[in-house]
Amino acid sequence: MLRHPAGNHRVAVVEGVLAGECGELLSGFFTALRQARRSGR
């Protein structure tokens, strides 16, 4: 979508921004998912 020739929006992608927070969020989600599956939910 961002590369479509008719589009007039440009974005800059900066590596590592909020990487720690995102990693914690994902880790917490998958830990909870594994625990829920173990408990039969």
PDB file of N, CA and C in Angstrom:
ATOM      1  N   MET A   1       0.830  -1.191   0.000  1.00  0.00           N
ATOM      2  CA  MET A   1       0.000   0.000   0.000  1.00  0.00           C
ATOM      3  C   MET A   1       0.875   1.256   0.000  1.00  0.00           C
ATOM      4  N   LEU A   2       1.897   1.245   0.836  1.00  0.00           N
ATOM      5  CA  LEU A   2       2.754   2.427   0.900  1.00  0.00           C
ATOM      6  C   LEU A   2       3.611   2.609  -0.349  1.00  0.00           C
ATOM      7  N   ARG A   3       3.790   1.530  -1.101  1.00  0.00           N
ATOM      8  CA  ARG A   3       4.600   1.608  -2.324  1.00  0.00           C
ATOM      9  C   ARG A   3       3.764   1.834  -3.580  1.00  0.00           C
ATOM     10  N   HIS A   4       2.467   1.923  -3.413  1.00  0.00           N
ATOM     11  CA  HIS A   4       1.591   2.113  -4.569  1.00  0.00           C
ATOM     12  C   HIS A   4       1.907   3.457  -5.222  1.00  0.00           C
ATOM     13  N   PRO A   5       2.067   3.473  -6.545  1.00  0.00           N
ATOM     14  CA  PRO A   5       2.442   4.713  -7.232  1.00  0.00           C
ATOM     15  C   PRO A   5       1.445   5.862  -7.060  1.00  0.00           C
ATOM     16  N   ALA A   6       0.179   5.559  -6.824  1.00  0.00           N
ATOM     17  CA  ALA A   6      -0.817   6.619  -6.684  1.00  0.00           C
ATOM     18  C   ALA A   6      -0.826   7.217  -5.279  1.00  0.00           C
ATOM     19  N   GLY A   7      -0.166   6.563  -4.348  1.00  0.00           N
ATOM     20  CA  GLY A   7      -0.162   7.050  -2.971  1.00  0.00           C
ATOM     21  C   GLY A   7       0.749   8.253  -2.800  1.00  0.00           C
ATOM     22  N   ASN A   8       0.364   9.138  -1.906  1.00  0.00           N
ATOM     23  CA  ASN A   8       1.181  10.332  -1.683  1.00  0.00           C
ATOM     24  C   ASN A   8       1.755  10.373  -0.262  1.00  0.00           C
ATOM     25  N   HIS A   9       1.660   9.254   0.458  1.00  0.00           N
ATOM     26  CA  HIS A   9       2.174   9.215   1.825  1.00  0.00           C
ATOM     27  C   HIS A   9       3.532   8.537   1.847  1.00  0.00           C
ATOM     28  N   ARG A  10       4.420   9.064   2.624  1.00  0.00           N
ATOM     29  CA  ARG A  10       5.746   8.486   2.794  1.00  0.00           C
ATOM     30  C   ARG A  10       5.965   8.255   4.283  1.00  0.00           C
ATOM     31  N   VAL A  11       6.584   7.138   4.609  1.00  0.00           N
ATOM     32  CA  VAL A  11       6.880   6.846   6.007  1.00  0.00           C
ATOM     33  C   VAL A  11       8.359   6.530   6.151  1.00  0.00           C
ATOM     34  N   ALA A  12       8.872   6.793   7.324  1.00  0.00           N
ATOM     35  CA  ALA A  12      10.241   6.422   7.654  1.00  0.00           C
ATOM     36  C   ALA A  12      10.170   5.312   8.688  1.00  0.00           C
ATOM     37  N   VAL A  13      10.932   4.260   8.458  1.00  0.00           N
ATOM     38  CA  VAL A  13      10.982   3.143   9.393  1.00  0.00           C
ATOM     39  C   VAL A  13      12.303   3.213  10.127  1.00  0.00           C
ATOM     40  N   VAL A  14      12.219   3.279  11.451  1.00  0.00           N
ATOM     41  CA  VAL A  14      13.415   3.362  12.276  1.00  0.00           C
ATOM     42  C   VAL A  14      13.496   2.097  13.121  1.00  0.00           C
ATOM     43  N   GLU A  15      14.550   1.347  12.924  1.00  0.00           N
ATOM     44  CA  GLU A  15      14.736   0.077  13.614  1.00  0.00           C
ATOM     45  C   GLU A  15      14.972   0.288  15.098  1.00  0.00           C
ATOM     46  N   GLY A  16      14.345  -0.556  15.918  1.00  0.00           N
ATOM     47  CA  GLY A  16      14.606  -0.565  17.348  1.00  0.00           C
ATOM     48  C   GLY A  16      13.731   0.342  18.189  1.00  0.00           C
ATOM     49  N   VAL A  17      12.900   1.177  17.580  1.00  0.00           N
ATOM     50  CA  VAL A  17      12.039   2.065  18.350  1.00  0.00           C
ATOM     51  C   VAL A  17      11.005   1.220  19.078  1.00  0.00           C
ATOM     52  N   LEU A  18      10.943   1.346  20.377  1.00  0.00           N
ATOM     53  CA  LEU A  18      10.028   0.595  21.242  1.00  0.00           C
ATOM     54  C   LEU A  18      10.247  -0.922  21.173  1.00  0.00           C
ATOM     55  N   ALA A  19      11.433  -1.353  20.773  1.00  0.00           N
ATOM     56  CA  ALA A  19      11.717  -2.785  20.636  1.00  0.00           C
ATOM     57  C   ALA A  19      11.569  -3.499  21.966  1.00  0.00           C
ATOM     58  N   GLY A  20      12.087  -2.912  23.039  1.00  0.00           N
ATOM     59  CA  GLY A  20      12.000  -3.544  24.353  1.00  0.00           C
ATOM     60  C   GLY A  20      10.572  -3.708  24.819  1.00  0.00           C
ATOM     61  N   GLU A  21       9.791  -2.659  24.699  1.00  0.00           N
ATOM     62  CA  GLU A  21       8.395  -2.692  25.122  1.00  0.00           C
ATOM     63  C   GLU A  21       7.586  -3.682  24.287  1.00  0.00           C
ATOM     64  N   CYS A  22       7.827  -3.692  22.996  1.00  0.00           N
ATOM     65  CA  CYS A  22       7.115  -4.623  22.117  1.00  0.00           C
ATOM     66  C   CYS A  22       7.500  -6.063  22.434  1.00  0.00           C
ATOM     67  N   GLY A  23       8.770  -6.295  22.696  1.00  0.00           N
ATOM     68  CA  GLY A  23       9.232  -7.630  23.044  1.00  0.00           C
ATOM     69  C   GLY A  23       8.589  -8.131  24.320  1.00  0.00           C
ATOM     70  N   GLU A  24       8.499  -7.264  25.320  1.00  0.00           N
ATOM     71  CA  GLU A  24       7.848  -7.641  26.582  1.00  0.00           C
ATOM     72  C   GLU A  24       6.376  -7.951  26.368  1.00  0.00           C
ATOM     73  N   LEU A  25       5.716  -7.150  25.578  1.00  0.00           N
ATOM     74  CA  LEU A  25       4.299  -7.366  25.290  1.00  0.00           C
ATOM     75  C   LEU A  25       4.074  -8.709  24.604  1.00  0.00           C
ATOM     76  N   LEU A  26       4.875  -8.995  23.587  1.00  0.00           N
ATOM     77  CA  LEU A  26       4.742 -10.267  22.874  1.00  0.00           C
ATOM     78  C   LEU A  26       5.087 -11.457  23.768  1.00  0.00           C
ATOM     79  N   SER A  27       6.147 -11.331  24.545  1.00  0.00           N
ATOM     80  CA  SER A  27       6.530 -12.419  25.447  1.00  0.00           C
ATOM     81  C   SER A  27       5.431 -12.696  26.453  1.00  0.00           C
ATOM     82  N   GLY A  28       4.865 -11.654  27.024  1.00  0.00           N
ATOM     83  CA  GLY A  28       3.775 -11.817  27.983  1.00  0.00           C
ATOM     84  C   GLY A  28       2.561 -12.468  27.357  1.00  0.00           C
ATOM     85  N   PHE A  29       2.250 -12.075  26.149  1.00  0.00           N
ATOM     86  CA  PHE A  29       1.097 -12.651  25.451  1.00  0.00           C
ATOM     87  C   PHE A  29       1.288 -14.152  25.239  1.00  0.00           C
ATOM     88  N   PHE A  30       2.453 -14.539  24.728  1.00  0.00           N
ATOM     89  CA  PHE A  30       2.671 -15.950  24.426  1.00  0.00           C
ATOM     90  C   PHE A  30       2.857 -16.788  25.686  1.00  0.00           C
ATOM     91  N   THR A  31       3.400 -16.207  26.752  1.00  0.00           N
ATOM     92  CA  THR A  31       3.473 -16.912  28.035  1.00  0.00           C
ATOM     93  C   THR A  31       2.071 -17.198  28.540  1.00  0.00           C
ATOM     94  N   ALA A  32       1.197 -16.205  28.489  1.00  0.00           N
ATOM     95  CA  ALA A  32      -0.193 -16.387  28.925  1.00  0.00           C
ATOM     96  C   ALA A  32      -0.909 -17.401  28.047  1.00  0.00           C
ATOM     97  N   LEU A  33      -0.645 -17.383  26.757  1.00  0.00           N
ATOM     98  CA  LEU A  33      -1.267 -18.327  25.838  1.00  0.00           C
ATOM     99  C   LEU A  33      -0.844 -19.764  26.166  1.00  0.00           C
ATOM    100  N   ARG A  34       0.446 -19.958  26.403  1.00  0.00           N
ATOM    101  CA  ARG A  34       0.925 -21.304  26.756  1.00  0.00           C
ATOM    102  C   ARG A  34       0.319 -21.768  28.070  1.00  0.00           C
ATOM    103  N   GLN A  35       0.235 -20.880  29.059  1.00  0.00           N
ATOM    104  CA  GLN A  35      -0.343 -21.244  30.353  1.00  0.00           C
ATOM    105  C   GLN A  35      -1.818 -21.596  30.206  1.00  0.00           C
ATOM    106  N   ALA A  36      -2.529 -20.850  29.385  1.00  0.00           N
ATOM    107  CA  ALA A  36      -3.962 -21.118  29.184  1.00  0.00           C
ATOM    108  C   ALA A  36      -4.154 -22.476  28.498  1.00  0.00           C
ATOM    109  N   ARG A  37      -3.296 -22.796  27.556  1.00  0.00           N
ATOM    110  CA  ARG A  37      -3.402 -24.084  26.863  1.00  0.00           C
ATOM    111  C   ARG A  37      -3.091 -25.240  27.803  1.00  0.00           C
ATOM    112  N   ARG A  38      -2.122 -25.038  28.697  1.00  0.00           N
ATOM    113  CA  ARG A  38      -1.781 -26.088  29.667  1.00  0.00           C
ATOM    114  C   ARG A  38      -2.915 -26.344  30.643  1.00  0.00           C
ATOM    115  N   SER A  39      -3.624 -25.292  30.999  1.00  0.00           N
ATOM    116  CA  SER A  39      -4.709 -25.444  31.970  1.00  0.00           C
ATOM    117  C   SER A  39      -6.013 -25.869  31.310  1.00  0.00           C
ATOM    118  N   GLY A  40      -6.011 -26.035  30.002  1.00  0.00           N
ATOM    119  CA  GLY A  40      -7.179 -26.527  29.294  1.00  0.00           C
ATOM    120  C   GLY A  40      -8.192 -25.468  28.933  1.00  0.00           C
ATOM    121  N   ARG A  41      -7.809 -24.239  28.921  1.00  0.00           N
ATOM    122  CA  ARG A  41      -8.735 -23.152  28.561  1.00  0.00           C
ATOM    123  C   ARG A  41      -8.794 -22.944  27.097  1.00  0.00           C
TER     124      ARG A  41
END
